[in-house]
Amino acid sequence: MDAIAIRHNDEIIDLQTAKELGVEGEGIELDNAPEALDVLRHSTAHLMAQAIKSLYPEAKFYVGPVVKEGFYYDFKVDSEIGVGDLKKIEKQMLFFAKKKHEIEKYEITMDEAKEKFANDHLKLSVMERIPSETVSIYKQGEFEDLCRGPHLPSTKYIRYFKLLKLAGAYLGGDSKNEMLTRIYGIAFADKESLKAHMTMLQEAEKRDHRKIGKEMKLFTFREEVGAGFPIWLPAGGRLRARLEGLLFKAHRKRGYEPVRGPEMLKADLWKVSGHYQNYGENMYFTSIDDVEFGVKPMNCVGHIKVYEDELHSYKDLPLKYFEYGVVHRHEMTGALHGLFRVREFTQDDAHIFCTVDQIEEQIIEVVDFVDKIMTTFGFEYKMMVSTKPEKAVGDADVWEKSEQALFNAMKANNLDYEIDEGGGAFYGPKIDIKITDAIGREWQCGTIQLDNNLPERFKLEYNGADNEKIQPVMIHRAILGSFERFIGILTEHYAGEFPMFIAPTQVAIVPIAETHNAYAKEIADKLIDLGADSEIFDKNESLNKRIRTAEKGRVPMIIVIGDEEVQANTVAIRDRRTREQSNSSLDDFLSMIQTKINEVNF
């Protein structure tokens, strides 16, 4: 198969650019490898724009990048475009693909580009973000657009694609700007992969945590409260509490101490940490008595203040602090998505202060912790070591030593990992834990971040064996990432069918008549004593309707009680998971529930 692009010096460039530069490299063929898909999807985005331009000649285009979910294009038209128009656009895309237009690149100066697109405010806005004195333009047929590439050599390679959805998007992601139309799409190198992806999307739609969360009454969002601020309903609160309780016990067993920092700290502290300068656009600030405060986007500074509360010796290390820390981050309105992207969330955050010699053992212990949690929930996972990004603080030598420490720990213990060049946090390299759910989607959750920068900024120290002052290493660690996002992932992973040990309602108690309510309450109280949650379905409705309501709420265990059960101190059990029915003494039933909810031990 012919190459569609080449890899040269770790960079992917299209064939025309390679020819113009006179460079050679490893050929990239059209397949479903990530690099090939990026080129294919980028070119498919341009094909979509070409089709839109032909159907809506007044259309003006902003940007059309490749994203994790495929690609999209932001544009503006005078006409109203609806979901029903996507098929029409797809048909036009196929028409242009069959014409086998060559995709050609040419360069002009920035001044020439501004003159060329003088009547296109979207293109002028794009050029404001380009620092170079020249810009590249890619052309296919009558369509052309600003783009840095790389692209396919021809539209003939674009055959298997699908336009997925239509949405609104603010110009540049800023809610103060005008609203544009955004169309998302996907493309693959072969028909089978496209079909498999569409099947997965159909299943994902059924599992959408926003839909299931509403059905199970886990959480809600209210416009008058504010976008990105979830409200947890009783069932969701119980689910969270179960997860928090399991993790609390697991942390204590591993030597972590619970702490809590304030949700606002003086802005001066955020300046010392570097967040003010490097992360300030994502923070919220307020003033109290003419003093500026920053609402915390992370818990690390609060934990540093815990460390500073007393002097430490090398014999005290490692010190491990954990907190279910509520944090706030300013996310763009267009990026908000259910529990997956919110403005307020709670991290299962921990910080480890240790010596350099303890780094490896601490990382291995955290990875073991991750393994126990993820395998319990049925996730497969992989680890990604992320290195220094362009926007970084700290000494280059410190960065190099920190990265090497992570690699040494992984290699010394035969742990499989991938490398994400430039994907580290601004203060240090990290290990990201990426999990795969029940329908094959990948999610980034846990993270382990090595940090020599904050201890240096805050002048943290401990007394060494010879009473010398030594700077500790700080390890940032979160396993779930945030309770909000992880619960959203769990909801879709299980399609709402949570296992008994974290189910928001573990037992549904259905009394046949009002005379059985006292026995129902007695059972509910005994379940609470065991640490299990139940709900009594005693509304003035038919028995079958109450049972159906419990089943719709995805309650794993349903018990029906009538005269016979009250007299014999028994229960009639319907196991919703196995679809089996049985009878049991109350004592045996309670013993079985206790076993089920205590079977998990992180």
Foldseek 3Di string as FASTA:
>chain_A
DFAQWFQDPNDTAGPVVCVVVVHDHHGHHAAFDPVNLQQLLQQLQQLLVVLVCVVQVVKAWADWHQDPVGIKTWIAGPDDDDPVCQVVSVVSSVVLLVVWWFKDKDKDFLVVVCVVCVVHVNLVVNSVPDPDRMWMWIDTDPDIDTDPDDHGRTSPQFDFKGWDHKDWAARVLAPVGDITIMIDMHGGRDNVVSVLVVVLVVLLVLLQLVVLCVLLVQWDDDVVVPFQDIGGDLLVVLLLVLVVVQVVVVCVVVPADEDDFDQKDFVVLCVLQCCCVQVVVFWDWDDDPNTIIIGAQDCVSRVVVVLPPDAAALVVPFHKYWYQDKGATDDRNVPGDFLQGGGIFTFRKMKTWHALVCLLVVVVVQVVVLVQVQVVLPKDKAKEKEAAAPQADDDPVVQVVQSVSVVCSCVVVVGDYHYHYRPADRFYIKMWIWIAAPSGDIDTAKMKTKGPPSLVSVVDWHQYPVRDTDGIIMIMITNRRTPSNSVSRSSSRCSQLDFQQSRSAQEEEEEQAPVCVVVVVVLQVLCVVLVHHYYYQHDPDHSVVSVVSCVSSNHQKYWYDYPVCVVQQKTWIQGSVVRDIDIDHSVVVSVVSSCRNPVRRD
